[in-house]
PDB file of N, CA and C in Angstrom:
ATOM      1  N   MET A   1      -0.314   2.144 -13.638  1.00  0.00           N
ATOM      2  CA  MET A   1       0.628   2.537 -12.626  1.00  0.00           C
ATOM      3  C   MET A   1       1.085   3.958 -12.950  1.00  0.00           C
ATOM      4  N   PHE A   2       1.415   4.710 -11.945  1.00  0.00           N
ATOM      5  CA  PHE A   2       1.761   6.106 -12.134  1.00  0.00           C
ATOM      6  C   PHE A   2       2.891   6.459 -11.188  1.00  0.00           C
ATOM      7  N   GLY A   3       3.432   7.622 -11.378  1.00  0.00           N
ATOM      8  CA  GLY A   3       4.440   8.141 -10.465  1.00  0.00           C
ATOM      9  C   GLY A   3       3.896   9.346  -9.734  1.00  0.00           C
ATOM     10  N   ARG A   4       4.649   9.803  -8.778  1.00  0.00           N
ATOM     11  CA  ARG A   4       4.194  10.964  -8.010  1.00  0.00           C
ATOM     12  C   ARG A   4       4.154  12.231  -8.855  1.00  0.00           C
ATOM     13  N   ALA A   5       4.759  12.174 -10.035  1.00  0.00           N
ATOM     14  CA  ALA A   5       4.753  13.330 -10.939  1.00  0.00           C
ATOM     15  C   ALA A   5       3.715  13.172 -12.048  1.00  0.00           C
ATOM     16  N   ASP A   6       2.819  12.219 -11.902  1.00  0.00           N
ATOM     17  CA  ASP A   6       1.783  11.986 -12.911  1.00  0.00           C
ATOM     18  C   ASP A   6       0.966  13.257 -13.102  1.00  0.00           C
ATOM     19  N   ALA A   7       0.509  13.462 -14.313  1.00  0.00           N
ATOM     20  CA  ALA A   7      -0.279  14.667 -14.625  1.00  0.00           C
ATOM     21  C   ALA A   7      -1.671  14.634 -13.996  1.00  0.00           C
ATOM     22  N   ASN A   8      -2.163  13.451 -13.621  1.00  0.00           N
ATOM     23  CA  ASN A   8      -3.490  13.328 -13.043  1.00  0.00           C
ATOM     24  C   ASN A   8      -3.412  13.604 -11.530  1.00  0.00           C
ATOM     25  N   ALA A   9      -3.717  14.842 -11.149  1.00  0.00           N
ATOM     26  CA  ALA A   9      -3.606  15.260  -9.746  1.00  0.00           C
ATOM     27  C   ALA A   9      -4.540  14.459  -8.840  1.00  0.00           C
ATOM     28  N   GLU A  10      -5.718  14.106  -9.337  1.00  0.00           N
ATOM     29  CA  GLU A  10      -6.667  13.346  -8.517  1.00  0.00           C
ATOM     30  C   GLU A  10      -6.126  11.949  -8.212  1.00  0.00           C
ATOM     31  N   LEU A  11      -5.468  11.358  -9.179  1.00  0.00           N
ATOM     32  CA  LEU A  11      -4.850  10.049  -8.984  1.00  0.00           C
ATOM     33  C   LEU A  11      -3.743  10.122  -7.937  1.00  0.00           C
ATOM     34  N   ILE A  12      -2.946  11.153  -8.000  1.00  0.00           N
ATOM     35  CA  ILE A  12      -1.873  11.348  -7.013  1.00  0.00           C
ATOM     36  C   ILE A  12      -2.468  11.558  -5.626  1.00  0.00           C
ATOM     37  N   ARG A  13      -3.515  12.375  -5.515  1.00  0.00           N
ATOM     38  CA  ARG A  13      -4.157  12.600  -4.209  1.00  0.00           C
ATOM     39  C   ARG A  13      -4.691  11.295  -3.636  1.00  0.00           C
ATOM     40  N   TYR A  14      -5.294  10.458  -4.470  1.00  0.00           N
ATOM     41  CA  TYR A  14      -5.822   9.181  -3.998  1.00  0.00           C
ATOM     42  C   TYR A  14      -4.686   8.307  -3.460  1.00  0.00           C
ATOM     43  N   ALA A  15      -3.615   8.193  -4.214  1.00  0.00           N
ATOM     44  CA  ALA A  15      -2.488   7.347  -3.796  1.00  0.00           C
ATOM     45  C   ALA A  15      -1.832   7.869  -2.524  1.00  0.00           C
ATOM     46  N   GLU A  16      -1.706   9.163  -2.396  1.00  0.00           N
ATOM     47  CA  GLU A  16      -1.099   9.737  -1.187  1.00  0.00           C
ATOM     48  C   GLU A  16      -2.019   9.550   0.022  1.00  0.00           C
ATOM     49  N   ALA A  17      -3.323   9.692  -0.178  1.00  0.00           N
ATOM     50  CA  ALA A  17      -4.267   9.457   0.919  1.00  0.00           C
ATOM     51  C   ALA A  17      -4.221   7.988   1.344  1.00  0.00           C
ATOM     52  N   TRP A  18      -4.091   7.091   0.374  1.00  0.00           N
ATOM     53  CA  TRP A  18      -3.970   5.656   0.662  1.00  0.00           C
ATOM     54  C   TRP A  18      -2.729   5.400   1.519  1.00  0.00           C
ATOM     55  N   ALA A  19      -1.591   5.977   1.132  1.00  0.00           N
ATOM     56  CA  ALA A  19      -0.349   5.791   1.889  1.00  0.00           C
ATOM     57  C   ALA A  19      -0.478   6.347   3.306  1.00  0.00           C
ATOM     58  N   ARG A  20      -1.071   7.532   3.444  1.00  0.00           N
ATOM     59  CA  ARG A  20      -1.258   8.116   4.786  1.00  0.00           C
ATOM     60  C   ARG A  20      -2.121   7.219   5.653  1.00  0.00           C
ATOM     61  N   ARG A  21      -3.153   6.631   5.067  1.00  0.00           N
ATOM     62  CA  ARG A  21      -4.031   5.746   5.845  1.00  0.00           C
ATOM     63  C   ARG A  21      -3.252   4.548   6.376  1.00  0.00           C
ATOM     64  N   ILE A  22      -2.400   3.970   5.547  1.00  0.00           N
ATOM     65  CA  ILE A  22      -1.578   2.841   5.993  1.00  0.00           C
ATOM     66  C   ILE A  22      -0.655   3.287   7.121  1.00  0.00           C
ATOM     67  N   GLU A  23       0.004   4.421   6.942  1.00  0.00           N
ATOM     68  CA  GLU A  23       0.986   4.899   7.921  1.00  0.00           C
ATOM     69  C   GLU A  23       0.349   5.354   9.229  1.00  0.00           C
ATOM     70  N   MET A  24      -0.832   5.953   9.164  1.00  0.00           N
ATOM     71  CA  MET A  24      -1.422   6.573  10.350  1.00  0.00           C
ATOM     72  C   MET A  24      -2.257   5.637  11.212  1.00  0.00           C
ATOM     73  N   ASN A  25      -2.734   4.556  10.637  1.00  0.00           N
ATOM     74  CA  ASN A  25      -3.561   3.642  11.420  1.00  0.00           C
ATOM     75  C   ASN A  25      -2.691   2.717  12.260  1.00  0.00           C
ATOM     76  N   MET A  26      -3.247   2.213  13.292  1.00  0.00           N
ATOM     77  CA  MET A  26      -2.497   1.400  14.258  1.00  0.00           C
ATOM     78  C   MET A  26      -2.257  -0.009  13.713  1.00  0.00           C
ATOM     79  N   THR A  27      -1.507  -0.097  12.623  1.00  0.00           N
ATOM     80  CA  THR A  27      -1.247  -1.389  12.010  1.00  0.00           C
ATOM     81  C   THR A  27       0.157  -1.905  12.305  1.00  0.00           C
ATOM     82  N   PHE A  28       1.013  -1.095  12.932  1.00  0.00           N
ATOM     83  CA  PHE A  28       2.406  -1.501  13.129  1.00  0.00           C
ATOM     84  C   PHE A  28       2.524  -2.748  13.994  1.00  0.00           C
ATOM     85  N   ASP A  29       1.597  -2.940  14.924  1.00  0.00           N
ATOM     86  CA  ASP A  29       1.656  -4.128  15.775  1.00  0.00           C
ATOM     87  C   ASP A  29       1.625  -5.419  14.966  1.00  0.00           C
ATOM     88  N   ILE A  30       0.981  -5.393  13.813  1.00  0.00           N
ATOM     89  CA  ILE A  30       0.888  -6.582  12.973  1.00  0.00           C
ATOM     90  C   ILE A  30       2.273  -7.007  12.478  1.00  0.00           C
ATOM     91  N   VAL A  31       3.166  -6.041  12.231  1.00  0.00           N
ATOM     92  CA  VAL A  31       4.480  -6.349  11.660  1.00  0.00           C
ATOM     93  C   VAL A  31       5.627  -6.262  12.655  1.00  0.00           C
ATOM     94  N   ARG A  32       5.364  -5.818  13.866  1.00  0.00           N
ATOM     95  CA  ARG A  32       6.433  -5.505  14.830  1.00  0.00           C
ATOM     96  C   ARG A  32       7.454  -6.629  14.998  1.00  0.00           C
ATOM     97  N   GLU A  33       7.029  -7.831  15.287  1.00  0.00           N
ATOM     98  CA  GLU A  33       7.982  -8.930  15.538  1.00  0.00           C
ATOM     99  C   GLU A  33       8.729  -9.317  14.270  1.00  0.00           C
ATOM    100  N   ALA A  34       8.018  -9.424  13.161  1.00  0.00           N
ATOM    101  CA  ALA A  34       8.664  -9.811  11.902  1.00  0.00           C
ATOM    102  C   ALA A  34       9.662  -8.757  11.446  1.00  0.00           C
ATOM    103  N   ALA A  35       9.378  -7.476  11.705  1.00  0.00           N
ATOM    104  CA  ALA A  35      10.260  -6.391  11.272  1.00  0.00           C
ATOM    105  C   ALA A  35      11.565  -6.357  12.062  1.00  0.00           C
ATOM    106  N   LYS A  36      11.637  -7.057  13.190  1.00  0.00           N
ATOM    107  CA  LYS A  36      12.874  -7.118  13.970  1.00  0.00           C
ATOM    108  C   LYS A  36      13.913  -8.021  13.316  1.00  0.00           C
ATOM    109  N   LYS A  37      13.479  -8.891  12.412  1.00  0.00           N
ATOM    110  CA  LYS A  37      14.408  -9.799  11.728  1.00  0.00           C
ATOM    111  C   LYS A  37      15.140  -9.034  10.625  1.00  0.00           C
ATOM    112  N   PRO A  38      16.383  -9.438  10.328  1.00  0.00           N
ATOM    113  CA  PRO A  38      17.101  -8.770   9.226  1.00  0.00           C
ATOM    114  C   PRO A  38      16.308  -8.900   7.921  1.00  0.00           C
ATOM    115  N   HIS A  39      16.121  -7.777   7.243  1.00  0.00           N
ATOM    116  CA  HIS A  39      15.329  -7.762   6.020  1.00  0.00           C
ATOM    117  C   HIS A  39      15.721  -6.573   5.155  1.00  0.00           C
ATOM    118  N   VAL A  40      15.288  -6.593   3.929  1.00  0.00           N
ATOM    119  CA  VAL A  40      15.405  -5.430   3.051  1.00  0.00           C
ATOM    120  C   VAL A  40      14.034  -4.774   2.993  1.00  0.00           C
ATOM    121  N   ASP A  41      14.007  -3.502   2.631  1.00  0.00           N
ATOM    122  CA  ASP A  41      12.724  -2.814   2.481  1.00  0.00           C
ATOM    123  C   ASP A  41      12.009  -3.403   1.268  1.00  0.00           C
ATOM    124  N   PRO A  42      10.848  -4.018   1.475  1.00  0.00           N
ATOM    125  CA  PRO A  42      10.133  -4.607   0.343  1.00  0.00           C
ATOM    126  C   PRO A  42       9.530  -3.529  -0.553  1.00  0.00           C
ATOM    127  N   LEU A  43       9.422  -3.879  -1.830  1.00  0.00           N
ATOM    128  CA  LEU A  43       8.759  -3.027  -2.808  1.00  0.00           C
ATOM    129  C   LEU A  43       7.481  -3.749  -3.207  1.00  0.00           C
ATOM    130  N   VAL A  44       6.334  -3.106  -2.932  1.00  0.00           N
ATOM    131  CA  VAL A  44       5.040  -3.771  -3.055  1.00  0.00           C
ATOM    132  C   VAL A  44       4.136  -2.982  -4.002  1.00  0.00           C
ATOM    133  N   THR A  45       3.483  -3.706  -4.915  1.00  0.00           N
ATOM    134  CA  THR A  45       2.468  -3.112  -5.786  1.00  0.00           C
ATOM    135  C   THR A  45       1.104  -3.589  -5.305  1.00  0.00           C
ATOM    136  N   VAL A  46       0.228  -2.628  -5.041  1.00  0.00           N
ATOM    137  CA  VAL A  46      -1.126  -2.938  -4.585  1.00  0.00           C
ATOM    138  C   VAL A  46      -2.102  -2.459  -5.658  1.00  0.00           C
ATOM    139  N   ALA A  47      -2.915  -3.376  -6.155  1.00  0.00           N
ATOM    140  CA  ALA A  47      -3.952  -3.026  -7.128  1.00  0.00           C
ATOM    141  C   ALA A  47      -5.250  -2.788  -6.362  1.00  0.00           C
ATOM    142  N   ILE A  48      -5.831  -1.613  -6.548  1.00  0.00           N
ATOM    143  CA  ILE A  48      -7.059  -1.237  -5.843  1.00  0.00           C
ATOM    144  C   ILE A  48      -8.162  -1.005  -6.879  1.00  0.00           C
ATOM    145  N   ARG A  49      -9.286  -1.683  -6.666  1.00  0.00           N
ATOM    146  CA  ARG A  49     -10.442  -1.528  -7.557  1.00  0.00           C
ATOM    147  C   ARG A  49     -11.149  -0.204  -7.275  1.00  0.00           C
ATOM    148  N   SER A  50     -12.003   0.198  -8.178  1.00  0.00           N
ATOM    149  CA  SER A  50     -12.710   1.470  -8.035  1.00  0.00           C
ATOM    150  C   SER A  50     -13.622   1.511  -6.805  1.00  0.00           C
ATOM    151  N   ASP A  51     -14.026   0.332  -6.299  1.00  0.00           N
ATOM    152  CA  ASP A  51     -14.851   0.307  -5.085  1.00  0.00           C
ATOM    153  C   ASP A  51     -14.007   0.407  -3.808  1.00  0.00           C
ATOM    154  N   GLY A  52     -12.677   0.492  -3.957  1.00  0.00           N
ATOM    155  CA  GLY A  52     -11.787   0.653  -2.815  1.00  0.00           C
ATOM    156  C   GLY A  52     -11.215  -0.648  -2.280  1.00  0.00           C
ATOM    157  N   PHE A  53     -11.662  -1.775  -2.786  1.00  0.00           N
ATOM    158  CA  PHE A  53     -11.154  -3.059  -2.307  1.00  0.00           C
ATOM    159  C   PHE A  53      -9.853  -3.426  -3.015  1.00  0.00           C
ATOM    160  N   VAL A  54      -8.965  -4.072  -2.262  1.00  0.00           N
ATOM    161  CA  VAL A  54      -7.699  -4.533  -2.813  1.00  0.00           C
ATOM    162  C   VAL A  54      -7.969  -5.718  -3.736  1.00  0.00           C
ATOM    163  N   GLU A  55      -7.490  -5.600  -4.959  1.00  0.00           N
ATOM    164  CA  GLU A  55      -7.622  -6.690  -5.927  1.00  0.00           C
ATOM    165  C   GLU A  55      -6.442  -7.646  -5.830  1.00  0.00           C
ATOM    166  N   SER A  56      -5.234  -7.079  -5.649  1.00  0.00           N
ATOM    167  CA  SER A  56      -4.055  -7.935  -5.544  1.00  0.00           C
ATOM    168  C   SER A  56      -2.924  -7.199  -4.842  1.00  0.00           C
ATOM    169  N   VAL A  57      -2.021  -7.993  -4.283  1.00  0.00           N
ATOM    170  CA  VAL A  57      -0.802  -7.499  -3.641  1.00  0.00           C
ATOM    171  C   VAL A  57       0.343  -8.286  -4.263  1.00  0.00           C
ATOM    172  N   THR A  58       1.288  -7.565  -4.868  1.00  0.00           N
ATOM    173  CA  THR A  58       2.414  -8.203  -5.538  1.00  0.00           C
ATOM    174  C   THR A  58       3.717  -7.659  -4.962  1.00  0.00           C
ATOM    175  N   PHE A  59       4.598  -8.561  -4.579  1.00  0.00           N
ATOM    176  CA  PHE A  59       5.903  -8.159  -4.076  1.00  0.00           C
ATOM    177  C   PHE A  59       6.878  -8.103  -5.249  1.00  0.00           C
ATOM    178  N   VAL A  60       7.270  -6.881  -5.628  1.00  0.00           N
ATOM    179  CA  VAL A  60       8.280  -6.695  -6.662  1.00  0.00           C
ATOM    180  C   VAL A  60       9.627  -7.097  -6.082  1.00  0.00           C
ATOM    181  N   VAL A  61       9.855  -6.696  -4.823  1.00  0.00           N
ATOM    182  CA  VAL A  61      11.024  -7.100  -4.050  1.00  0.00           C
ATOM    183  C   VAL A  61      10.514  -7.575  -2.704  1.00  0.00           C
ATOM    184  N   SER A  62      10.788  -8.823  -2.374  1.00  0.00           N
ATOM    185  CA  SER A  62      10.394  -9.368  -1.079  1.00  0.00           C
ATOM    186  C   SER A  62      11.306  -8.806   0.013  1.00  0.00           C
ATOM    187  N   SER A  63      10.789  -8.793   1.219  1.00  0.00           N
ATOM    188  CA  SER A  63      11.610  -8.386   2.360  1.00  0.00           C
ATOM    189  C   SER A  63      12.680  -9.426   2.670  1.00  0.00           C
ATOM    190  N   GLY A  64      12.479 -10.643   2.185  1.00  0.00           N
ATOM    191  CA  GLY A  64      13.382 -11.745   2.520  1.00  0.00           C
ATOM    192  C   GLY A  64      12.946 -12.482   3.770  1.00  0.00           C
ATOM    193  N   VAL A  65      11.880 -11.994   4.392  1.00  0.00           N
ATOM    194  CA  VAL A  65      11.333 -12.610   5.601  1.00  0.00           C
ATOM    195  C   VAL A  65       9.865 -12.941   5.315  1.00  0.00           C
ATOM    196  N   PRO A  66       9.550 -14.221   5.078  1.00  0.00           N
ATOM    197  CA  PRO A  66       8.174 -14.573   4.727  1.00  0.00           C
ATOM    198  C   PRO A  66       7.137 -14.058   5.726  1.00  0.00           C
ATOM    199  N   GLU A  67       7.475 -14.063   7.008  1.00  0.00           N
ATOM    200  CA  GLU A  67       6.523 -13.572   8.019  1.00  0.00           C
ATOM    201  C   GLU A  67       6.249 -12.084   7.845  1.00  0.00           C
ATOM    202  N   LEU A  68       7.264 -11.320   7.432  1.00  0.00           N
ATOM    203  CA  LEU A  68       7.065  -9.884   7.227  1.00  0.00           C
ATOM    204  C   LEU A  68       6.218  -9.638   5.979  1.00  0.00           C
ATOM    205  N   ASP A  69       6.485 -10.373   4.913  1.00  0.00           N
ATOM    206  CA  ASP A  69       5.666 -10.232   3.707  1.00  0.00           C
ATOM    207  C   ASP A  69       4.206 -10.584   4.001  1.00  0.00           C
ATOM    208  N   ASP A  70       3.987 -11.651   4.762  1.00  0.00           N
ATOM    209  CA  ASP A  70       2.619 -12.021   5.151  1.00  0.00           C
ATOM    210  C   ASP A  70       1.981 -10.941   6.023  1.00  0.00           C
ATOM    211  N   ALA A  71       2.779 -10.351   6.912  1.00  0.00           N
ATOM    212  CA  ALA A  71       2.260  -9.286   7.778  1.00  0.00           C
ATOM    213  C   ALA A  71       1.853  -8.064   6.959  1.00  0.00           C
ATOM    214  N   ILE A  72       2.603  -7.749   5.921  1.00  0.00           N
ATOM    215  CA  ILE A  72       2.244  -6.623   5.050  1.00  0.00           C
ATOM    216  C   ILE A  72       0.898  -6.900   4.384  1.00  0.00           C
ATOM    217  N   ARG A  73       0.706  -8.123   3.915  1.00  0.00           N
ATOM    218  CA  ARG A  73      -0.594  -8.488   3.333  1.00  0.00           C
ATOM    219  C   ARG A  73      -1.716  -8.296   4.360  1.00  0.00           C
ATOM    220  N   ARG A  74      -1.459  -8.686   5.619  1.00  0.00           N
ATOM    221  CA  ARG A  74      -2.473  -8.523   6.671  1.00  0.00           C
ATOM    222  C   ARG A  74      -2.742  -7.050   6.945  1.00  0.00           C
ATOM    223  N   VAL A  75      -1.691  -6.222   6.937  1.00  0.00           N
ATOM    224  CA  VAL A  75      -1.876  -4.779   7.128  1.00  0.00           C
ATOM    225  C   VAL A  75      -2.813  -4.243   6.053  1.00  0.00           C
ATOM    226  N   LEU A  76      -2.542  -4.608   4.817  1.00  0.00           N
ATOM    227  CA  LEU A  76      -3.373  -4.123   3.706  1.00  0.00           C
ATOM    228  C   LEU A  76      -4.806  -4.607   3.839  1.00  0.00           C
ATOM    229  N   ARG A  77      -4.983  -5.863   4.168  1.00  0.00           N
ATOM    230  CA  ARG A  77      -6.344  -6.414   4.312  1.00  0.00           C
ATOM    231  C   ARG A  77      -7.065  -5.803   5.510  1.00  0.00           C
ATOM    232  N   SER A  78      -6.316  -5.428   6.553  1.00  0.00           N
ATOM    233  CA  SER A  78      -6.956  -4.830   7.733  1.00  0.00           C
ATOM    234  C   SER A  78      -7.531  -3.445   7.417  1.00  0.00           C
ATOM    235  N   GLN A  79      -7.042  -2.820   6.366  1.00  0.00           N
ATOM    236  CA  GLN A  79      -7.512  -1.486   5.975  1.00  0.00           C
ATOM    237  C   GLN A  79      -8.527  -1.538   4.831  1.00  0.00           C
ATOM    238  N   ASP A  80      -8.813  -2.729   4.348  1.00  0.00           N
ATOM    239  CA  ASP A  80      -9.727  -2.951   3.226  1.00  0.00           C
ATOM    240  C   ASP A  80     -11.173  -2.743   3.679  1.00  0.00           C
ATOM    241  N   PRO A  81     -12.049  -2.036   3.028  1.00  0.00           N
ATOM    242  CA  PRO A  81     -11.786  -1.321   1.792  1.00  0.00           C
ATOM    243  C   PRO A  81     -11.226   0.072   2.061  1.00  0.00           C
ATOM    244  N   PHE A  82     -10.498   0.555   1.094  1.00  0.00           N
ATOM    245  CA  PHE A  82     -10.044   1.933   1.114  1.00  0.00           C
ATOM    246  C   PHE A  82     -11.175   2.780   0.551  1.00  0.00           C
ATOM    247  N   GLU A  83     -10.949   4.052   0.455  1.00  0.00           N
ATOM    248  CA  GLU A  83     -11.974   4.939  -0.097  1.00  0.00           C
ATOM    249  C   GLU A  83     -12.249   4.567  -1.553  1.00  0.00           C
ATOM    250  N   ALA A  84     -13.508   4.524  -1.920  1.00  0.00           N
ATOM    251  CA  ALA A  84     -13.872   4.278  -3.319  1.00  0.00           C
ATOM    252  C   ALA A  84     -13.387   5.447  -4.171  1.00  0.00           C
ATOM    253  N   PHE A  85     -13.137   5.188  -5.441  1.00  0.00           N
ATOM    254  CA  PHE A  85     -12.704   6.247  -6.348  1.00  0.00           C
ATOM    255  C   PHE A  85     -13.816   7.281  -6.482  1.00  0.00           C
ATOM    256  N   SER A  86     -13.417   8.509  -6.689  1.00  0.00           N
ATOM    257  CA  SER A  86     -14.399   9.550  -7.002  1.00  0.00           C
ATOM    258  C   SER A  86     -15.011   9.216  -8.361  1.00  0.00           C
ATOM    259  N   PRO A  87     -16.176   9.781  -8.676  1.00  0.00           N
ATOM    260  CA  PRO A  87     -16.782   9.509  -9.988  1.00  0.00           C
ATOM    261  C   PRO A  87     -15.835   9.833 -11.153  1.00  0.00           C
ATOM    262  N   ALA A  88     -15.090  10.930 -11.040  1.00  0.00           N
ATOM    263  CA  ALA A  88     -14.171  11.314 -12.118  1.00  0.00           C
ATOM    264  C   ALA A  88     -13.054  10.279 -12.277  1.00  0.00           C
ATOM    265  N   LEU A  89     -12.503   9.817 -11.155  1.00  0.00           N
ATOM    266  CA  LEU A  89     -11.435   8.819 -11.200  1.00  0.00           C
ATOM    267  C   LEU A  89     -11.982   7.479 -11.699  1.00  0.00           C
ATOM    268  N   ALA A  90     -13.164   7.111 -11.234  1.00  0.00           N
ATOM    269  CA  ALA A  90     -13.779   5.847 -11.642  1.00  0.00           C
ATOM    270  C   ALA A  90     -14.148   5.851 -13.133  1.00  0.00           C
ATOM    271  N   SER A  91     -14.402   7.025 -13.694  1.00  0.00           N
ATOM    272  CA  SER A  91     -14.710   7.077 -15.125  1.00  0.00           C
ATOM    273  C   SER A  91     -13.466   6.804 -15.973  1.00  0.00           C
ATOM    274  N   GLU A  92     -12.287   6.988 -15.395  1.00  0.00           N
ATOM    275  CA  GLU A  92     -11.033   6.750 -16.118  1.00  0.00           C
ATOM    276  C   GLU A  92     -10.415   5.386 -15.824  1.00  0.00           C
ATOM    277  N   PHE A  93     -10.598   4.898 -14.580  1.00  0.00           N
ATOM    278  CA  PHE A  93      -9.892   3.696 -14.146  1.00  0.00           C
ATOM    279  C   PHE A  93     -10.821   2.711 -13.455  1.00  0.00           C
ATOM    280  N   ASP A  94     -10.669   1.435 -13.777  1.00  0.00           N
ATOM    281  CA  ASP A  94     -11.341   0.360 -13.038  1.00  0.00           C
ATOM    282  C   ASP A  94     -10.480  -0.063 -11.858  1.00  0.00           C
ATOM    283  N   VAL A  95      -9.161  -0.054 -12.067  1.00  0.00           N
ATOM    284  CA  VAL A  95      -8.179  -0.477 -11.071  1.00  0.00           C
ATOM    285  C   VAL A  95      -6.969   0.440 -11.201  1.00  0.00           C
ATOM    286  N   ILE A  96      -6.401   0.826 -10.067  1.00  0.00           N
ATOM    287  CA  ILE A  96      -5.116   1.516 -10.108  1.00  0.00           C
ATOM    288  C   ILE A  96      -4.113   0.684  -9.319  1.00  0.00           C
ATOM    289  N   GLU A  97      -2.866   0.781  -9.723  1.00  0.00           N
ATOM    290  CA  GLU A  97      -1.792   0.096  -9.013  1.00  0.00           C
ATOM    291  C   GLU A  97      -0.905   1.136  -8.371  1.00  0.00           C
ATOM    292  N   ILE A  98      -0.646   0.946  -7.085  1.00  0.00           N
ATOM    293  CA  ILE A  98       0.214   1.842  -6.334  1.00  0.00           C
ATOM    294  C   ILE A  98       1.421   1.023  -5.894  1.00  0.00           C
ATOM    295  N   ARG A  99       2.612   1.489  -6.246  1.00  0.00           N
ATOM    296  CA  ARG A  99       3.846   0.783  -5.872  1.00  0.00           C
ATOM    297  C   ARG A  99       4.626   1.656  -4.897  1.00  0.00           C
ATOM    298  N   ARG A 100       4.942   1.070  -3.759  1.00  0.00           N
ATOM    299  CA  ARG A 100       5.707   1.789  -2.739  1.00  0.00           C
ATOM    300  C   ARG A 100       6.691   0.828  -2.075  1.00  0.00           C
ATOM    301  N   SER A 101       7.818   1.384  -1.633  1.00  0.00           N
ATOM    302  CA  SER A 101       8.707   0.607  -0.774  1.00  0.00           C
ATOM    303  C   SER A 101       8.239   0.835   0.660  1.00  0.00           C
ATOM    304  N   TRP A 102       8.362  -0.197   1.468  1.00  0.00           N
ATOM    305  CA  TRP A 102       7.907  -0.169   2.852  1.00  0.00           C
ATOM    306  C   TRP A 102       9.125  -0.163   3.754  1.00  0.00           C
ATOM    307  N   HIS A 103       9.174   0.798   4.670  1.00  0.00           N
ATOM    308  CA  HIS A 103      10.285   0.899   5.621  1.00  0.00           C
ATOM    309  C   HIS A 103       9.709   0.801   7.030  1.00  0.00           C
ATOM    310  N   PHE A 104      10.394   0.058   7.876  1.00  0.00           N
ATOM    311  CA  PHE A 104       9.933  -0.158   9.240  1.00  0.00           C
ATOM    312  C   PHE A 104      10.981   0.343  10.215  1.00  0.00           C
ATOM    313  N   ASP A 105      10.577   1.238  11.108  1.00  0.00           N
ATOM    314  CA  ASP A 105      11.405   1.608  12.254  1.00  0.00           C
ATOM    315  C   ASP A 105      10.465   1.558  13.451  1.00  0.00           C
ATOM    316  N   ILE A 106       9.977   2.677  13.919  1.00  0.00           N
ATOM    317  CA  ILE A 106       8.977   2.635  14.998  1.00  0.00           C
ATOM    318  C   ILE A 106       7.556   2.663  14.444  1.00  0.00           C
ATOM    319  N   ALA A 107       7.455   2.779  13.118  1.00  0.00           N
ATOM    320  CA  ALA A 107       6.163   2.809  12.436  1.00  0.00           C
ATOM    321  C   ALA A 107       6.369   2.285  11.015  1.00  0.00           C
ATOM    322  N   ILE A 108       5.290   2.202  10.274  1.00  0.00           N
ATOM    323  CA  ILE A 108       5.354   1.848   8.868  1.00  0.00           C
ATOM    324  C   ILE A 108       5.483   3.144   8.084  1.00  0.00           C
ATOM    325  N   ARG A 109       6.460   3.188   7.176  1.00  0.00           N
ATOM    326  CA  ARG A 109       6.627   4.355   6.325  1.00  0.00           C
ATOM    327  C   ARG A 109       6.689   3.887   4.877  1.00  0.00           C
ATOM    328  N   LEU A 110       5.820   4.464   4.057  1.00  0.00           N
ATOM    329  CA  LEU A 110       5.792   4.132   2.637  1.00  0.00           C
ATOM    330  C   LEU A 110       6.544   5.198   1.868  1.00  0.00           C
ATOM    331  N   GLN A 111       7.432   4.750   1.019  1.00  0.00           N
ATOM    332  CA  GLN A 111       8.273   5.705   0.273  1.00  0.00           C
ATOM    333  C   GLN A 111       8.076   5.527  -1.201  1.00  0.00           C
TER     334      GLN A 111
END
């Protein structure tokens, strides 16, 4: 796991590209109804293998709405696989974990 200030610039670029893909694709419809219920912004860790496939999704903080947590899993699976790691990144990591809080208004925003 890393932070946005990690020294590995390629790792940061991969994680930011992953977040943009989630935010920019038309996935909000999957969560729209569930996001209308009172909830907290969930904190989610996603483990991504070097081939770009999601290995696991872990809720560090649940939204408090099971339907919304399930919808987040569906959003992630709908984008599977993500881009495979570059050769340089794959030589260092088999799996990376990206942790982001998810905020819902008119779109999905990862923070």
